[in-house]
N, C-alpha and C. Protein backbone atom coordinates (compact mmCIF):
# COMPACT_ATOMS: atom_id res chain seq x y z
N MET A 1 7.15 -8.78 -21.43
CA MET A 1 6.75 -10.54 -20.47
C MET A 1 8.54 -10.57 -19.53
N ALA A 2 9.44 -9.84 -20.38
CA ALA A 2 10.27 -9.75 -19.72
C ALA A 2 11.28 -9.27 -18.61
N ASP A 3 9.99 -7.82 -18.39
CA ASP A 3 9.89 -7.28 -17.70
C ASP A 3 9.59 -7.60 -15.93
N ILE A 4 8.57 -7.95 -15.97
CA ILE A 4 7.97 -8.86 -15.23
C ILE A 4 8.89 -10.08 -14.62
N LYS A 5 9.55 -10.69 -15.92
CA LYS A 5 10.37 -11.64 -14.92
C LYS A 5 11.72 -11.12 -14.31
N LYS A 6 11.91 -10.32 -15.13
CA LYS A 6 13.08 -9.25 -14.16
C LYS A 6 13.11 -8.90 -12.95
N THR A 7 11.78 -8.44 -12.62
CA THR A 7 10.73 -7.72 -11.05
C THR A 7 10.98 -9.60 -10.28
N GLU A 8 10.02 -10.31 -10.84
CA GLU A 8 9.88 -11.44 -9.62
C GLU A 8 11.43 -12.00 -9.55
N GLU A 9 12.44 -11.98 -10.42
CA GLU A 9 13.86 -12.56 -10.08
C GLU A 9 14.02 -11.79 -8.99
N PHE A 10 14.32 -9.82 -9.21
CA PHE A 10 14.88 -8.91 -8.18
C PHE A 10 14.09 -9.34 -7.05
N TYR A 11 12.64 -9.33 -6.44
CA TYR A 11 11.86 -9.85 -5.07
C TYR A 11 12.46 -11.36 -5.28
N VAL A 12 13.06 -12.20 -5.77
CA VAL A 12 13.06 -13.55 -5.32
C VAL A 12 14.51 -13.25 -4.35
N ARG A 13 15.73 -12.66 -5.14
CA ARG A 13 16.57 -12.17 -4.27
C ARG A 13 17.06 -11.32 -3.47
N LEU A 14 16.08 -10.63 -3.47
CA LEU A 14 15.95 -9.76 -2.20
C LEU A 14 15.16 -10.85 -1.04
N LYS A 15 14.31 -10.89 -0.97
CA LYS A 15 13.87 -12.42 -0.03
C LYS A 15 14.93 -12.94 0.61
N GLU A 16 15.28 -13.56 -0.20
CA GLU A 16 17.11 -14.74 0.60
C GLU A 16 17.88 -13.49 0.94
N GLN A 17 17.92 -12.04 0.25
CA GLN A 17 19.21 -11.76 1.42
C GLN A 17 18.60 -11.02 2.46
N LEU A 18 17.09 -10.60 2.59
CA LEU A 18 16.91 -10.46 3.84
C LEU A 18 16.40 -11.84 4.82
N GLU A 19 15.81 -12.76 4.31
CA GLU A 19 16.40 -13.37 4.92
C GLU A 19 17.29 -13.85 5.86
N GLN A 20 18.76 -13.94 5.13
CA GLN A 20 19.91 -13.74 5.51
C GLN A 20 20.37 -13.28 6.39
N ASP A 21 20.77 -11.57 5.92
CA ASP A 21 21.32 -10.64 6.24
C ASP A 21 20.39 -10.48 8.34
N THR A 22 19.27 -11.12 8.02
CA THR A 22 18.71 -9.61 9.37
C THR A 22 17.54 -10.42 10.05
N GLU A 23 17.45 -10.09 11.38
CA GLU A 23 16.81 -10.70 12.28
C GLU A 23 15.12 -10.42 12.37
N TRP A 24 14.38 -11.09 12.01
CA TRP A 24 13.59 -10.51 11.45
C TRP A 24 11.92 -10.57 13.22
N PRO A 25 11.36 -9.00 13.31
CA PRO A 25 10.97 -7.95 13.14
C PRO A 25 12.33 -6.99 13.03
N ALA A 26 12.32 -5.76 11.95
CA ALA A 26 13.59 -5.17 12.04
C ALA A 26 13.07 -4.01 11.61
N PRO A 27 14.11 -2.82 11.55
CA PRO A 27 13.80 -1.54 10.85
C PRO A 27 14.44 -2.18 9.19
N TYR A 28 13.86 -0.85 8.57
CA TYR A 28 14.02 -1.52 7.03
C TYR A 28 13.79 0.29 7.08
N LEU A 29 14.89 0.75 5.63
CA LEU A 29 14.95 1.89 4.70
C LEU A 29 14.91 1.81 3.67
N TYR A 30 13.19 2.23 2.74
CA TYR A 30 13.14 2.18 1.80
C TYR A 30 13.50 3.75 1.03
N LYS A 31 13.61 3.60 0.07
CA LYS A 31 13.76 4.97 -0.91
C LYS A 31 13.66 4.82 -2.19
N PHE A 32 12.98 5.96 -2.63
CA PHE A 32 12.01 6.05 -3.53
C PHE A 32 12.36 7.56 -4.33
N ILE A 33 12.72 7.68 -5.88
CA ILE A 33 12.22 8.96 -6.64
C ILE A 33 10.56 8.96 -7.54
N VAL A 34 10.81 9.88 -6.82
CA VAL A 34 9.05 10.08 -7.89
C VAL A 34 9.05 11.70 -8.18
N PRO A 35 8.18 11.77 -9.25
CA PRO A 35 8.24 13.26 -10.50
C PRO A 35 8.39 14.00 -9.01
N ALA A 36 8.31 15.10 -8.73
CA ALA A 36 7.48 16.31 -7.46
C ALA A 36 6.20 16.27 -8.03
N SER A 37 5.56 15.96 -6.79
CA SER A 37 4.14 16.13 -6.79
C SER A 37 3.15 15.43 -5.72
N ASN A 38 2.90 16.42 -4.67
CA ASN A 38 2.30 16.13 -3.97
C ASN A 38 1.15 14.66 -4.39
N GLU A 39 0.51 14.33 -5.47
CA GLU A 39 0.08 13.42 -4.92
C GLU A 39 0.75 11.92 -5.06
N ASN A 40 1.85 12.09 -5.71
CA ASN A 40 2.57 10.80 -5.89
C ASN A 40 3.03 10.31 -4.10
N ILE A 41 3.47 12.01 -3.50
CA ILE A 41 4.30 11.19 -1.88
C ILE A 41 2.67 11.26 -1.43
N ALA A 42 1.65 11.96 -1.00
CA ALA A 42 0.94 11.32 -0.55
C ALA A 42 0.19 9.68 -0.72
N GLU A 43 0.55 9.33 -2.18
CA GLU A 43 0.12 8.00 -2.18
C GLU A 43 0.90 7.16 -1.30
N ILE A 44 1.98 7.46 -1.55
CA ILE A 44 3.23 6.47 -0.72
C ILE A 44 2.91 6.93 0.83
N GLU A 45 2.66 7.45 1.34
CA GLU A 45 2.39 8.18 2.41
C GLU A 45 1.17 7.09 3.03
N VAL A 46 0.09 7.15 2.25
CA VAL A 46 -1.41 5.95 2.45
C VAL A 46 -0.06 4.66 2.35
N ILE A 47 0.21 3.82 1.80
CA ILE A 47 0.67 2.45 2.17
C ILE A 47 1.77 2.14 2.89
N PHE A 48 1.77 3.30 3.79
CA PHE A 48 2.95 3.05 4.94
C PHE A 48 2.15 3.90 6.33
N ASP A 49 0.94 4.04 5.94
CA ASP A 49 -0.25 4.79 7.42
C ASP A 49 -0.33 3.74 8.41
N GLY A 50 -0.43 3.91 9.05
CA GLY A 50 -0.23 3.03 10.69
C GLY A 50 0.71 2.53 11.07
N LEU A 51 1.95 2.19 10.27
CA LEU A 51 3.21 1.85 10.46
C LEU A 51 4.12 2.70 11.23
N ASP A 52 3.69 3.51 11.74
CA ASP A 52 4.62 4.33 12.33
C ASP A 52 6.03 4.30 11.84
N ALA A 53 5.65 4.91 10.23
CA ALA A 53 6.62 5.17 9.62
C ALA A 53 7.59 6.68 9.78
N GLU A 54 8.67 6.67 9.92
CA GLU A 54 9.22 7.97 9.88
C GLU A 54 9.50 8.21 7.95
N ILE A 55 8.84 9.43 7.29
CA ILE A 55 9.09 9.54 5.70
C ILE A 55 10.08 10.93 5.62
N GLN A 56 10.66 11.00 5.00
CA GLN A 56 11.33 12.14 4.70
C GLN A 56 11.22 12.31 3.17
N THR A 57 10.75 13.44 3.04
CA THR A 57 11.39 13.82 1.76
C THR A 57 12.37 14.89 1.31
N ARG A 58 12.54 14.97 0.21
CA ARG A 58 13.76 16.04 -0.62
C ARG A 58 13.78 16.34 -1.73
N ASP A 59 13.38 17.26 -2.23
CA ASP A 59 13.16 17.69 -3.58
C ASP A 59 14.67 17.68 -4.31
N SER A 60 14.95 17.69 -5.39
CA SER A 60 15.81 17.79 -6.33
C SER A 60 16.52 19.11 -6.97
N SER A 61 17.15 19.52 -7.02
CA SER A 61 18.01 20.90 -6.91
C SER A 61 16.89 21.79 -7.88
N LYS A 62 16.69 20.59 -9.07
CA LYS A 62 15.28 21.45 -10.26
C LYS A 62 14.09 21.33 -9.45
N GLY A 63 13.86 20.36 -8.80
CA GLY A 63 12.39 20.84 -8.47
C GLY A 63 11.69 19.58 -9.44
N THR A 64 12.41 18.99 -10.15
CA THR A 64 11.09 18.00 -10.77
C THR A 64 10.80 16.80 -9.90
N TYR A 65 11.91 16.20 -9.36
CA TYR A 65 11.88 14.95 -8.62
C TYR A 65 11.71 14.93 -7.28
N THR A 66 11.26 14.31 -6.75
CA THR A 66 11.71 14.18 -4.56
C THR A 66 12.01 12.85 -4.73
N SER A 67 12.98 12.91 -4.16
CA SER A 67 13.49 11.70 -3.41
C SER A 67 12.77 11.23 -1.46
N VAL A 68 12.03 10.60 -1.70
CA VAL A 68 11.34 9.81 -0.51
C VAL A 68 11.82 8.63 0.82
N SER A 69 12.39 8.94 1.53
CA SER A 69 12.84 8.11 2.87
C SER A 69 12.25 7.76 3.52
N ILE A 70 11.77 6.42 3.64
CA ILE A 70 11.27 6.08 4.91
C ILE A 70 11.59 4.97 5.88
N ALA A 71 11.87 5.24 6.97
CA ALA A 71 12.25 3.99 7.86
C ALA A 71 10.98 3.48 8.47
N VAL A 72 10.53 2.24 8.75
CA VAL A 72 9.71 1.54 9.02
C VAL A 72 10.33 0.18 10.18
N LYS A 73 9.47 -0.09 11.26
CA LYS A 73 9.81 -1.28 11.23
C LYS A 73 9.06 -2.89 10.70
N MET A 74 9.57 -3.43 9.76
CA MET A 74 8.95 -4.42 8.84
C MET A 74 8.90 -5.64 9.65
N ALA A 75 7.65 -6.72 9.39
CA ALA A 75 7.55 -7.79 10.12
C ALA A 75 8.23 -9.04 9.78
N SER A 76 8.76 -8.69 8.03
CA SER A 76 9.40 -9.97 7.41
C SER A 76 9.78 -9.56 6.04
N PRO A 77 10.34 -10.03 5.52
CA PRO A 77 11.02 -10.44 4.23
C PRO A 77 9.79 -9.54 3.70
N GLU A 78 9.12 -10.60 3.68
CA GLU A 78 7.55 -10.57 2.77
C GLU A 78 6.92 -9.52 3.36
N ALA A 79 6.44 -8.66 4.74
CA ALA A 79 5.93 -7.65 4.52
C ALA A 79 6.95 -6.66 3.66
N VAL A 80 7.86 -6.45 3.23
CA VAL A 80 8.94 -5.86 3.30
C VAL A 80 8.73 -5.60 1.19
N ILE A 81 8.67 -6.42 1.11
CA ILE A 81 8.57 -7.19 -0.38
C ILE A 81 6.97 -6.09 -0.81
N LYS A 82 6.19 -7.15 0.19
CA LYS A 82 4.71 -6.15 -0.17
C LYS A 82 4.77 -4.33 -0.47
N LYS A 83 4.93 -4.14 0.47
CA LYS A 83 5.11 -2.42 0.31
C LYS A 83 6.16 -1.94 -0.94
N TYR A 84 7.20 -2.88 -1.73
CA TYR A 84 7.48 -2.75 -2.91
C TYR A 84 6.58 -2.55 -4.18
N VAL A 85 6.36 -3.64 -3.87
CA VAL A 85 5.05 -4.40 -5.06
C VAL A 85 3.75 -3.30 -4.96
N GLU A 86 3.52 -2.47 -4.04
CA GLU A 86 2.17 -1.93 -3.67
C GLU A 86 2.86 -0.33 -4.19
N VAL A 87 4.32 0.14 -4.01
CA VAL A 87 4.54 1.16 -4.28
C VAL A 87 4.82 1.47 -6.08
N SER A 88 5.18 0.05 -6.59
CA SER A 88 5.77 -0.13 -7.74
C SER A 88 4.31 0.36 -8.89
N LYS A 89 3.66 0.08 -8.59
CA LYS A 89 1.78 0.67 -8.95
C LYS A 89 1.57 2.15 -9.37
N ILE A 90 2.38 3.15 -8.51
CA ILE A 90 2.06 4.78 -8.69
C ILE A 90 2.99 4.69 -10.07
N GLU A 91 2.33 5.25 -10.70
CA GLU A 91 2.87 5.62 -11.68
C GLU A 91 3.93 6.62 -11.43
N GLY A 92 5.09 6.25 -12.10
CA GLY A 92 6.70 7.18 -12.42
C GLY A 92 7.53 7.28 -10.95
N VAL A 93 7.38 5.93 -10.07
CA VAL A 93 7.72 5.78 -8.92
C VAL A 93 9.41 5.10 -9.18
N ILE A 94 10.46 5.22 -9.04
CA ILE A 94 11.73 4.75 -8.95
C ILE A 94 11.72 4.12 -7.64
N SER A 95 12.14 2.85 -7.51
CA SER A 95 12.03 2.41 -6.01
C SER A 95 13.78 2.34 -6.19
N LEU A 96 14.70 2.68 -4.85
CA LEU A 96 16.18 2.31 -5.35
C LEU A 96 16.57 0.95 -3.97
């Protein structure tokens, strides 16, 4: 339960920060680290499908992880957070 509370607090702070710092709609850059697997990357791509997102990937030096950067125009802080929540359901993904 503590993890859920921490996660909720993180999203509340992020939403406040995004509301204060940004005029919406605005470009937003997501960064994730995933275990190197085309399946994980494909799941992330599906979440951003239809948003005209620019997705870049880079494998780690040992090839065990892949960093995924997604530049996309988002409508609101709530929309940004919704995507983080969707991606967090993919096993092994770390949001940066």
